[in-house]
Amino acid sequence: MTTKFLLFAAALTALTPGISLAQTGPCASDAHDDFDFWVGHWNVYAPDGGPYQGENRIEKTQGGCLITEHWTGASGSTGESMNYLDPFSGQWRQIWVSAGSIIDYSGGLDESGAMVLNGEIHSPASGVRSAFRGTWTERADGSVRQQFEIEGADDQWGVWFTGIYVRQDSDPRAEEAAAARGE
């Protein structure tokens, strides 16, 4: 970039409060912000005051075009996902990879504002593939409820995992989470 361009960009930003240059990129649409409620550094607990389940770091990167997930479970399990608004389908898509499973699903916000993705889970060890659904719901207190459901061999859906995401910087149980991580 030239010095003239950088000076122009700085002047433009100073003259237009509240507008950032990042908002003008290819991923600046409102739809690209649909999953922003999940972005943050979280402690994850079982529902209803249950035990610590793990830590999840969700970051928006690549000029707002990609949301990455970095999970570390209380038992030491790990996994990562890439989340993006697919320009071909117009839907949000997540691809999750861990040693135990690969998940590929897509969808979007439902009428209540929850992010709902549907697709498949594959277990590399067993070779089994199943229909899979994930739902992320922002709660009034700023936490997020994440629930995964899997379709069984009997064509019935069952809960696979439910976690309550609490922001680390405002977690009243932060000491408990830190102790579980051995900090």
C-alpha atoms as a PDB file:
ATOM      1  CA  MET A   1       0.000   0.000   0.000  1.00  0.00           C
ATOM      2  CA  THR A   2       1.179   3.468  -0.708  1.00  0.00           C
ATOM      3  CA  THR A   3       1.646   6.121   1.929  1.00  0.00           C
ATOM      4  CA  LYS A   4      -0.922   8.317   0.168  1.00  0.00           C
ATOM      5  CA  PHE A   5      -3.539   5.546   0.380  1.00  0.00           C
ATOM      6  CA  LEU A   6      -2.873   4.942   4.066  1.00  0.00           C
ATOM      7  CA  LEU A   7      -3.152   8.670   4.809  1.00  0.00           C
ATOM      8  CA  PHE A   8      -6.388   8.848   2.805  1.00  0.00           C
ATOM      9  CA  ALA A   9      -7.809   5.824   4.645  1.00  0.00           C
ATOM     10  CA  ALA A  10      -6.887   7.303   8.030  1.00  0.00           C
ATOM     11  CA  ALA A  11      -8.461  10.655   7.103  1.00  0.00           C
ATOM     12  CA  LEU A  12     -11.621   8.962   5.816  1.00  0.00           C
ATOM     13  CA  THR A  13     -11.943   6.949   9.015  1.00  0.00           C
ATOM     14  CA  ALA A  14     -11.446  10.063  11.161  1.00  0.00           C
ATOM     15  CA  LEU A  15     -14.053  12.006   9.187  1.00  0.00           C
ATOM     16  CA  THR A  16     -16.693   9.244   9.349  1.00  0.00           C
ATOM     17  CA  PRO A  17     -17.083   8.187  13.010  1.00  0.00           C
ATOM     18  CA  GLY A  18     -18.538   4.731  13.553  1.00  0.00           C
ATOM     19  CA  ILE A  19     -17.529   3.478  10.114  1.00  0.00           C
ATOM     20  CA  SER A  20     -14.616   1.104   9.836  1.00  0.00           C
ATOM     21  CA  LEU A  21     -12.819   0.104   6.689  1.00  0.00           C
ATOM     22  CA  ALA A  22     -13.509  -3.544   7.556  1.00  0.00           C
ATOM     23  CA  GLN A  23     -17.223  -2.908   6.979  1.00  0.00           C
ATOM     24  CA  THR A  24     -16.591  -2.316   3.288  1.00  0.00           C
ATOM     25  CA  GLY A  25     -15.094  -5.745   2.547  1.00  0.00           C
ATOM     26  CA  PRO A  26     -16.679  -8.686   0.761  1.00  0.00           C
ATOM     27  CA  CYS A  27     -18.107 -10.080   4.019  1.00  0.00           C
ATOM     28  CA  ALA A  28     -19.671  -6.892   5.383  1.00  0.00           C
ATOM     29  CA  SER A  29     -23.327  -7.809   4.886  1.00  0.00           C
ATOM     30  CA  ASP A  30     -25.688  -8.159   7.838  1.00  0.00           C
ATOM     31  CA  ALA A  31     -25.923 -11.902   7.124  1.00  0.00           C
ATOM     32  CA  HIS A  32     -22.191 -12.216   7.827  1.00  0.00           C
ATOM     33  CA  ASP A  33     -22.952 -11.057  11.394  1.00  0.00           C
ATOM     34  CA  ASP A  34     -25.638 -13.701  12.076  1.00  0.00           C
ATOM     35  CA  PHE A  35     -23.286 -15.919  14.088  1.00  0.00           C
ATOM     36  CA  ASP A  36     -21.415 -13.118  15.895  1.00  0.00           C
ATOM     37  CA  PHE A  37     -23.250 -13.844  19.164  1.00  0.00           C
ATOM     38  CA  TRP A  38     -21.082 -16.993  19.417  1.00  0.00           C
ATOM     39  CA  VAL A  39     -17.771 -15.155  18.996  1.00  0.00           C
ATOM     40  CA  GLY A  40     -15.793 -14.988  22.236  1.00  0.00           C
ATOM     41  CA  HIS A  41     -13.682 -16.910  24.742  1.00  0.00           C
ATOM     42  CA  TRP A  42     -15.980 -19.231  26.679  1.00  0.00           C
ATOM     43  CA  ASN A  43     -16.165 -21.650  29.575  1.00  0.00           C
ATOM     44  CA  VAL A  44     -18.678 -24.368  28.758  1.00  0.00           C
ATOM     45  CA  TYR A  45     -20.797 -26.129  31.374  1.00  0.00           C
ATOM     46  CA  ALA A  46     -23.433 -28.843  31.415  1.00  0.00           C
ATOM     47  CA  PRO A  47     -26.972 -27.399  31.713  1.00  0.00           C
ATOM     48  CA  ASP A  48     -28.673 -26.575  35.010  1.00  0.00           C
ATOM     49  CA  GLY A  49     -25.484 -25.666  36.881  1.00  0.00           C
ATOM     50  CA  GLY A  50     -23.755 -28.857  35.806  1.00  0.00           C
ATOM     51  CA  PRO A  51     -20.016 -29.444  35.732  1.00  0.00           C
ATOM     52  CA  TYR A  52     -17.396 -27.761  33.578  1.00  0.00           C
ATOM     53  CA  GLN A  53     -17.249 -29.359  30.112  1.00  0.00           C
ATOM     54  CA  GLY A  54     -14.468 -27.423  28.418  1.00  0.00           C
ATOM     55  CA  GLU A  55     -13.162 -24.211  26.946  1.00  0.00           C
ATOM     56  CA  ASN A  56     -13.974 -22.809  23.527  1.00  0.00           C
ATOM     57  CA  ARG A  57     -12.355 -19.903  21.700  1.00  0.00           C
ATOM     58  CA  ILE A  58     -14.465 -18.578  18.820  1.00  0.00           C
ATOM     59  CA  GLU A  59     -12.843 -15.925  16.608  1.00  0.00           C
ATOM     60  CA  LYS A  60     -13.975 -13.944  13.587  1.00  0.00           C
ATOM     61  CA  THR A  61     -11.119 -13.727  11.078  1.00  0.00           C
ATOM     62  CA  GLN A  62     -10.317 -13.149   7.432  1.00  0.00           C
ATOM     63  CA  GLY A  63     -11.953  -9.751   7.260  1.00  0.00           C
ATOM     64  CA  GLY A  64     -15.174 -11.070   8.798  1.00  0.00           C
ATOM     65  CA  CYS A  65     -15.488 -13.931   6.277  1.00  0.00           C
ATOM     66  CA  LEU A  66     -14.597 -16.805   8.638  1.00  0.00           C
ATOM     67  CA  ILE A  67     -15.405 -17.816  12.200  1.00  0.00           C
ATOM     68  CA  THR A  68     -12.994 -20.344  13.680  1.00  0.00           C
ATOM     69  CA  GLU A  69     -13.580 -22.536  16.718  1.00  0.00           C
ATOM     70  CA  HIS A  70     -10.902 -24.053  18.958  1.00  0.00           C
ATOM     71  CA  TRP A  71     -12.331 -26.504  21.526  1.00  0.00           C
ATOM     72  CA  THR A  72     -10.549 -28.163  24.440  1.00  0.00           C
ATOM     73  CA  GLY A  73     -12.734 -30.489  26.480  1.00  0.00           C
ATOM     74  CA  ALA A  74     -12.379 -31.069  30.215  1.00  0.00           C
ATOM     75  CA  SER A  75     -11.134 -34.589  29.442  1.00  0.00           C
ATOM     76  CA  GLY A  76      -8.456 -33.278  27.054  1.00  0.00           C
ATOM     77  CA  SER A  77     -10.349 -33.830  23.800  1.00  0.00           C
ATOM     78  CA  THR A  78      -9.847 -31.188  21.125  1.00  0.00           C
ATOM     79  CA  GLY A  79     -11.519 -30.131  17.919  1.00  0.00           C
ATOM     80  CA  GLU A  80     -11.766 -27.231  15.511  1.00  0.00           C
ATOM     81  CA  SER A  81     -14.328 -25.864  13.139  1.00  0.00           C
ATOM     82  CA  MET A  82     -14.551 -23.383  10.302  1.00  0.00           C
ATOM     83  CA  ASN A  83     -17.812 -21.483   9.921  1.00  0.00           C
ATOM     84  CA  TYR A  84     -18.713 -19.259   7.000  1.00  0.00           C
ATOM     85  CA  LEU A  85     -21.595 -17.872   5.018  1.00  0.00           C
ATOM     86  CA  ASP A  86     -21.492 -20.020   1.886  1.00  0.00           C
ATOM     87  CA  PRO A  87     -21.780 -17.703  -1.140  1.00  0.00           C
ATOM     88  CA  PHE A  88     -23.114 -20.558  -3.286  1.00  0.00           C
ATOM     89  CA  SER A  89     -26.008 -21.624  -1.055  1.00  0.00           C
ATOM     90  CA  GLY A  90     -26.518 -18.437   0.981  1.00  0.00           C
ATOM     91  CA  GLN A  91     -26.467 -20.585   4.138  1.00  0.00           C
ATOM     92  CA  TRP A  92     -24.085 -20.755   7.057  1.00  0.00           C
ATOM     93  CA  ARG A  93     -21.841 -23.809   6.891  1.00  0.00           C
ATOM     94  CA  GLN A  94     -19.729 -25.431   9.586  1.00  0.00           C
ATOM     95  CA  ILE A  95     -17.093 -28.082   9.097  1.00  0.00           C
ATOM     96  CA  TRP A  96     -15.916 -29.569  12.408  1.00  0.00           C
ATOM     97  CA  VAL A  97     -12.929 -31.907  12.677  1.00  0.00           C
ATOM     98  CA  SER A  98     -11.697 -33.799  15.725  1.00  0.00           C
ATOM     99  CA  ALA A  99     -10.061 -37.158  16.277  1.00  0.00           C
ATOM    100  CA  GLY A 100     -13.487 -38.642  17.034  1.00  0.00           C
ATOM    101  CA  SER A 101     -15.784 -37.058  14.474  1.00  0.00           C
ATOM    102  CA  ILE A 102     -16.172 -35.000  11.351  1.00  0.00           C
ATOM    103  CA  ILE A 103     -19.328 -32.898  11.023  1.00  0.00           C
ATOM    104  CA  ASP A 104     -20.502 -31.046   7.936  1.00  0.00           C
ATOM    105  CA  TYR A 105     -23.726 -29.115   8.150  1.00  0.00           C
ATOM    106  CA  SER A 106     -25.401 -25.922   7.057  1.00  0.00           C
ATOM    107  CA  GLY A 107     -28.394 -23.702   7.743  1.00  0.00           C
ATOM    108  CA  GLY A 108     -29.127 -20.333   9.261  1.00  0.00           C
ATOM    109  CA  LEU A 109     -31.108 -18.359  11.780  1.00  0.00           C
ATOM    110  CA  ASP A 110     -34.557 -19.674  12.621  1.00  0.00           C
ATOM    111  CA  GLU A 111     -37.563 -17.469  13.434  1.00  0.00           C
ATOM    112  CA  SER A 112     -36.410 -17.086  17.069  1.00  0.00           C
ATOM    113  CA  GLY A 113     -32.871 -16.004  16.125  1.00  0.00           C
ATOM    114  CA  ALA A 114     -31.168 -19.315  16.944  1.00  0.00           C
ATOM    115  CA  MET A 115     -28.550 -20.640  14.524  1.00  0.00           C
ATOM    116  CA  VAL A 116     -29.665 -24.081  13.323  1.00  0.00           C
ATOM    117  CA  LEU A 117     -27.415 -26.245  11.143  1.00  0.00           C
ATOM    118  CA  ASN A 118     -28.378 -29.639   9.679  1.00  0.00           C
ATOM    119  CA  GLY A 119     -26.151 -32.211   8.022  1.00  0.00           C
ATOM    120  CA  GLU A 120     -24.101 -35.284   8.889  1.00  0.00           C
ATOM    121  CA  ILE A 121     -21.646 -36.546  11.468  1.00  0.00           C
ATOM    122  CA  HIS A 122     -19.071 -39.172  10.551  1.00  0.00           C
ATOM    123  CA  SER A 123     -17.122 -41.252  13.038  1.00  0.00           C
ATOM    124  CA  PRO A 124     -13.804 -42.234  11.362  1.00  0.00           C
ATOM    125  CA  ALA A 125     -13.170 -45.074  13.850  1.00  0.00           C
ATOM    126  CA  SER A 126     -16.438 -46.877  13.127  1.00  0.00           C
ATOM    127  CA  GLY A 127     -17.216 -45.505   9.677  1.00  0.00           C
ATOM    128  CA  VAL A 128     -20.754 -44.690  10.852  1.00  0.00           C
ATOM    129  CA  ARG A 129     -22.506 -41.663   9.353  1.00  0.00           C
ATOM    130  CA  SER A 130     -25.631 -40.163  10.892  1.00  0.00           C
ATOM    131  CA  ALA A 131     -27.900 -37.186  10.395  1.00  0.00           C
ATOM    132  CA  PHE A 132     -26.879 -34.420  12.777  1.00  0.00           C
ATOM    133  CA  ARG A 133     -28.259 -31.069  13.929  1.00  0.00           C
ATOM    134  CA  GLY A 134     -26.696 -28.226  15.921  1.00  0.00           C
ATOM    135  CA  THR A 135     -28.565 -25.325  17.511  1.00  0.00           C
ATOM    136  CA  TRP A 136     -26.938 -22.240  19.072  1.00  0.00           C
ATOM    137  CA  THR A 137     -29.266 -19.971  21.052  1.00  0.00           C
ATOM    138  CA  GLU A 138     -28.212 -16.653  22.548  1.00  0.00           C
ATOM    139  CA  ARG A 139     -29.730 -16.273  26.004  1.00  0.00           C
ATOM    140  CA  ALA A 140     -30.886 -13.084  27.749  1.00  0.00           C
ATOM    141  CA  ASP A 141     -27.841 -13.084  30.076  1.00  0.00           C
ATOM    142  CA  GLY A 142     -25.402 -13.168  27.124  1.00  0.00           C
ATOM    143  CA  SER A 143     -24.591 -16.850  27.480  1.00  0.00           C
ATOM    144  CA  VAL A 144     -25.177 -19.254  24.589  1.00  0.00           C
ATOM    145  CA  ARG A 145     -26.917 -22.622  24.716  1.00  0.00           C
ATOM    146  CA  GLN A 146     -25.500 -25.108  22.229  1.00  0.00           C
ATOM    147  CA  GLN A 147     -27.291 -28.385  21.609  1.00  0.00           C
ATOM    148  CA  PHE A 148     -26.365 -31.191  19.252  1.00  0.00           C
ATOM    149  CA  GLU A 149     -28.826 -33.881  18.216  1.00  0.00           C
ATOM    150  CA  ILE A 150     -28.167 -37.094  16.321  1.00  0.00           C
ATOM    151  CA  GLU A 151     -30.538 -39.371  14.441  1.00  0.00           C
ATOM    152  CA  GLY A 152     -30.290 -42.946  15.648  1.00  0.00           C
ATOM    153  CA  ALA A 153     -30.613 -46.186  13.710  1.00  0.00           C
ATOM    154  CA  ASP A 154     -34.289 -46.219  14.773  1.00  0.00           C
ATOM    155  CA  ASP A 155     -34.828 -42.870  12.945  1.00  0.00           C
ATOM    156  CA  GLN A 156     -35.393 -41.151  16.314  1.00  0.00           C
ATOM    157  CA  TRP A 157     -33.534 -37.969  17.240  1.00  0.00           C
ATOM    158  CA  GLY A 158     -31.694 -37.795  20.553  1.00  0.00           C
ATOM    159  CA  VAL A 159     -29.526 -35.238  22.337  1.00  0.00           C
ATOM    160  CA  TRP A 160     -25.812 -35.827  21.706  1.00  0.00           C
ATOM    161  CA  PHE A 161     -24.446 -32.867  23.709  1.00  0.00           C
ATOM    162  CA  THR A 162     -25.744 -29.728  25.394  1.00  0.00           C
ATOM    163  CA  GLY A 163     -23.443 -26.994  26.639  1.00  0.00           C
ATOM    164  CA  ILE A 164     -23.983 -23.610  28.235  1.00  0.00           C
ATOM    165  CA  TYR A 165     -21.369 -21.108  27.054  1.00  0.00           C
ATOM    166  CA  VAL A 166     -20.395 -18.433  29.584  1.00  0.00           C
ATOM    167  CA  ARG A 167     -17.948 -15.676  28.627  1.00  0.00           C
ATOM    168  CA  GLN A 168     -14.714 -16.197  30.525  1.00  0.00           C
ATOM    169  CA  ASP A 169     -14.353 -12.524  31.416  1.00  0.00           C
ATOM    170  CA  SER A 170     -17.717 -12.500  33.224  1.00  0.00           C
ATOM    171  CA  ASP A 171     -17.993 -16.112  34.429  1.00  0.00           C
ATOM    172  CA  PRO A 172     -19.011 -16.323  38.111  1.00  0.00           C
ATOM    173  CA  ARG A 173     -17.622 -19.901  38.085  1.00  0.00           C
ATOM    174  CA  ALA A 174     -14.275 -18.896  36.511  1.00  0.00           C
ATOM    175  CA  GLU A 175     -12.208 -20.273  39.413  1.00  0.00           C
ATOM    176  CA  GLU A 176     -13.900 -23.670  39.048  1.00  0.00           C
ATOM    177  CA  ALA A 177     -13.188 -23.700  35.304  1.00  0.00           C
ATOM    178  CA  ALA A 178      -9.558 -22.658  35.806  1.00  0.00           C
ATOM    179  CA  ALA A 179      -9.076 -25.392  38.425  1.00  0.00           C
ATOM    180  CA  ALA A 180     -10.554 -27.973  36.039  1.00  0.00           C
ATOM    181  CA  ARG A 181      -7.989 -26.875  33.445  1.00  0.00           C
ATOM    182  CA  GLY A 182      -5.210 -27.202  36.036  1.00  0.00           C
ATOM    183  CA  GLU A 183      -4.450 -23.469  36.125  1.00  0.00           C
END
